[in-house]
Amino acid sequence: MFDLITTLKEVGLSLEEIKNYMDERDADAFMELLKEQDKLLKQKIEVLTRRRRLLHNTLRMMAEAFDVAEDEITVEYVPEEYFI
């Protein structure tokens, strides 16, 4: 019983949701609850992935900024990029 509660808490269910499941033990409703939690976790992963990508891009730009010589003028040709 404790393992089940711990597992459900670990996947993000609230204690109230766990209590409701324990009181009712409705397998279909529980399956839907788990599917909804899976959907929420997937959305959180996507948000965190975007944040991590933004962080890595910012770190890369900062590293490039530190490499710029302040007393020189340079011209760089870069390939065309699309933003949309």
C-alpha atoms as a PDB file:
ATOM      1  CA  MET A   1       0.000   0.000   0.000  1.00  0.00           C
ATOM      2  CA  PHE A   2       2.783   2.421   0.948  1.00  0.00           C
ATOM      3  CA  ASP A   3       4.631   1.626  -2.297  1.00  0.00           C
ATOM      4  CA  LEU A   4       1.533   2.488  -4.324  1.00  0.00           C
ATOM      5  CA  ILE A   5       1.055   5.817  -2.523  1.00  0.00           C
ATOM      6  CA  THR A   6       4.731   6.665  -2.941  1.00  0.00           C
ATOM      7  CA  THR A   7       4.642   5.794  -6.642  1.00  0.00           C
ATOM      8  CA  LEU A   8       1.497   7.821  -7.284  1.00  0.00           C
ATOM      9  CA  LYS A   9       2.941  10.785  -5.405  1.00  0.00           C
ATOM     10  CA  GLU A  10       6.157  10.471  -7.426  1.00  0.00           C
ATOM     11  CA  VAL A  11       4.279  10.710 -10.747  1.00  0.00           C
ATOM     12  CA  GLY A  12       2.649  13.919  -9.547  1.00  0.00           C
ATOM     13  CA  LEU A  13      -0.732  12.954  -8.142  1.00  0.00           C
ATOM     14  CA  SER A  14      -1.909  14.997  -5.189  1.00  0.00           C
ATOM     15  CA  LEU A  15      -2.644  13.323  -1.886  1.00  0.00           C
ATOM     16  CA  GLU A  16      -6.316  14.185  -2.399  1.00  0.00           C
ATOM     17  CA  GLU A  17      -6.343  12.385  -5.762  1.00  0.00           C
ATOM     18  CA  ILE A  18      -4.624   9.372  -4.202  1.00  0.00           C
ATOM     19  CA  LYS A  19      -7.120   9.336  -1.314  1.00  0.00           C
ATOM     20  CA  ASN A  20     -10.058   9.503  -3.744  1.00  0.00           C
ATOM     21  CA  TYR A  21      -8.659   6.535  -5.634  1.00  0.00           C
ATOM     22  CA  MET A  22      -8.089   4.562  -2.438  1.00  0.00           C
ATOM     23  CA  ASP A  23     -11.641   5.281  -1.262  1.00  0.00           C
ATOM     24  CA  GLU A  24     -13.356   4.402  -4.537  1.00  0.00           C
ATOM     25  CA  ARG A  25     -10.993   1.949  -6.260  1.00  0.00           C
ATOM     26  CA  ASP A  26     -12.592   2.599  -9.662  1.00  0.00           C
ATOM     27  CA  ALA A  27     -10.164   1.159 -12.202  1.00  0.00           C
ATOM     28  CA  ASP A  28     -11.580   3.080 -15.197  1.00  0.00           C
ATOM     29  CA  ALA A  29     -11.481   6.430 -13.405  1.00  0.00           C
ATOM     30  CA  PHE A  30      -7.982   5.650 -12.166  1.00  0.00           C
ATOM     31  CA  MET A  31      -6.844   4.832 -15.694  1.00  0.00           C
ATOM     32  CA  GLU A  32      -8.170   8.197 -16.896  1.00  0.00           C
ATOM     33  CA  LEU A  33      -6.452   9.952 -14.000  1.00  0.00           C
ATOM     34  CA  LEU A  34      -3.141   8.334 -14.934  1.00  0.00           C
ATOM     35  CA  LYS A  35      -3.592   9.242 -18.613  1.00  0.00           C
ATOM     36  CA  GLU A  36      -4.260  12.851 -17.646  1.00  0.00           C
ATOM     37  CA  GLN A  37      -1.163  12.860 -15.438  1.00  0.00           C
ATOM     38  CA  ASP A  38       0.879  11.452 -18.329  1.00  0.00           C
ATOM     39  CA  LYS A  39      -0.384  14.268 -20.546  1.00  0.00           C
ATOM     40  CA  LEU A  40       0.572  16.879 -17.925  1.00  0.00           C
ATOM     41  CA  LEU A  41       4.046  15.381 -17.509  1.00  0.00           C
ATOM     42  CA  LYS A  42       4.562  15.423 -21.275  1.00  0.00           C
ATOM     43  CA  GLN A  43       3.624  19.117 -21.383  1.00  0.00           C
ATOM     44  CA  LYS A  44       6.027  19.890 -18.523  1.00  0.00           C
ATOM     45  CA  ILE A  45       8.819  18.047 -20.326  1.00  0.00           C
ATOM     46  CA  GLU A  46       8.176  20.087 -23.481  1.00  0.00           C
ATOM     47  CA  VAL A  47       8.300  23.346 -21.498  1.00  0.00           C
ATOM     48  CA  LEU A  48      11.520  22.308 -19.763  1.00  0.00           C
ATOM     49  CA  THR A  49      13.056  21.236 -23.077  1.00  0.00           C
ATOM     50  CA  ARG A  50      12.291  24.656 -24.588  1.00  0.00           C
ATOM     51  CA  ARG A  51      13.747  26.393 -21.522  1.00  0.00           C
ATOM     52  CA  ARG A  52      16.887  24.274 -21.713  1.00  0.00           C
ATOM     53  CA  ARG A  53      17.301  25.046 -25.422  1.00  0.00           C
ATOM     54  CA  LEU A  54      16.934  28.772 -24.663  1.00  0.00           C
ATOM     55  CA  LEU A  55      19.478  28.491 -21.875  1.00  0.00           C
ATOM     56  CA  HIS A  56      21.981  26.693 -24.122  1.00  0.00           C
ATOM     57  CA  ASN A  57      21.514  29.299 -26.876  1.00  0.00           C
ATOM     58  CA  THR A  58      22.080  32.088 -24.352  1.00  0.00           C
ATOM     59  CA  LEU A  59      25.208  30.379 -23.039  1.00  0.00           C
ATOM     60  CA  ARG A  60      26.514  29.957 -26.596  1.00  0.00           C
ATOM     61  CA  MET A  61      25.883  33.627 -27.416  1.00  0.00           C
ATOM     62  CA  MET A  62      27.579  34.693 -24.184  1.00  0.00           C
ATOM     63  CA  ALA A  63      30.616  32.550 -24.988  1.00  0.00           C
ATOM     64  CA  GLU A  64      30.769  34.094 -28.470  1.00  0.00           C
ATOM     65  CA  ALA A  65      30.481  37.585 -26.970  1.00  0.00           C
ATOM     66  CA  PHE A  66      33.491  36.942 -24.749  1.00  0.00           C
ATOM     67  CA  ASP A  67      35.526  35.943 -27.813  1.00  0.00           C
ATOM     68  CA  VAL A  68      34.929  39.272 -29.589  1.00  0.00           C
ATOM     69  CA  ALA A  69      37.973  41.504 -29.746  1.00  0.00           C
ATOM     70  CA  GLU A  70      36.877  44.957 -28.603  1.00  0.00           C
ATOM     71  CA  ASP A  71      39.487  46.922 -30.548  1.00  0.00           C
ATOM     72  CA  GLU A  72      38.942  45.263 -33.957  1.00  0.00           C
ATOM     73  CA  ILE A  73      36.413  45.617 -36.738  1.00  0.00           C
ATOM     74  CA  THR A  74      35.571  42.375 -38.509  1.00  0.00           C
ATOM     75  CA  VAL A  75      33.181  41.370 -41.267  1.00  0.00           C
ATOM     76  CA  GLU A  76      31.588  37.946 -41.167  1.00  0.00           C
ATOM     77  CA  TYR A  77      29.514  36.265 -43.810  1.00  0.00           C
ATOM     78  CA  VAL A  78      26.952  33.870 -42.436  1.00  0.00           C
ATOM     79  CA  PRO A  79      24.411  31.694 -44.211  1.00  0.00           C
ATOM     80  CA  GLU A  80      20.861  32.921 -44.530  1.00  0.00           C
ATOM     81  CA  GLU A  81      18.570  31.949 -41.640  1.00  0.00           C
ATOM     82  CA  TYR A  82      14.811  31.765 -41.437  1.00  0.00           C
ATOM     83  CA  PHE A  83      13.087  32.767 -38.206  1.00  0.00           C
ATOM     84  CA  ILE A  84       9.617  31.505 -39.084  1.00  0.00           C
END
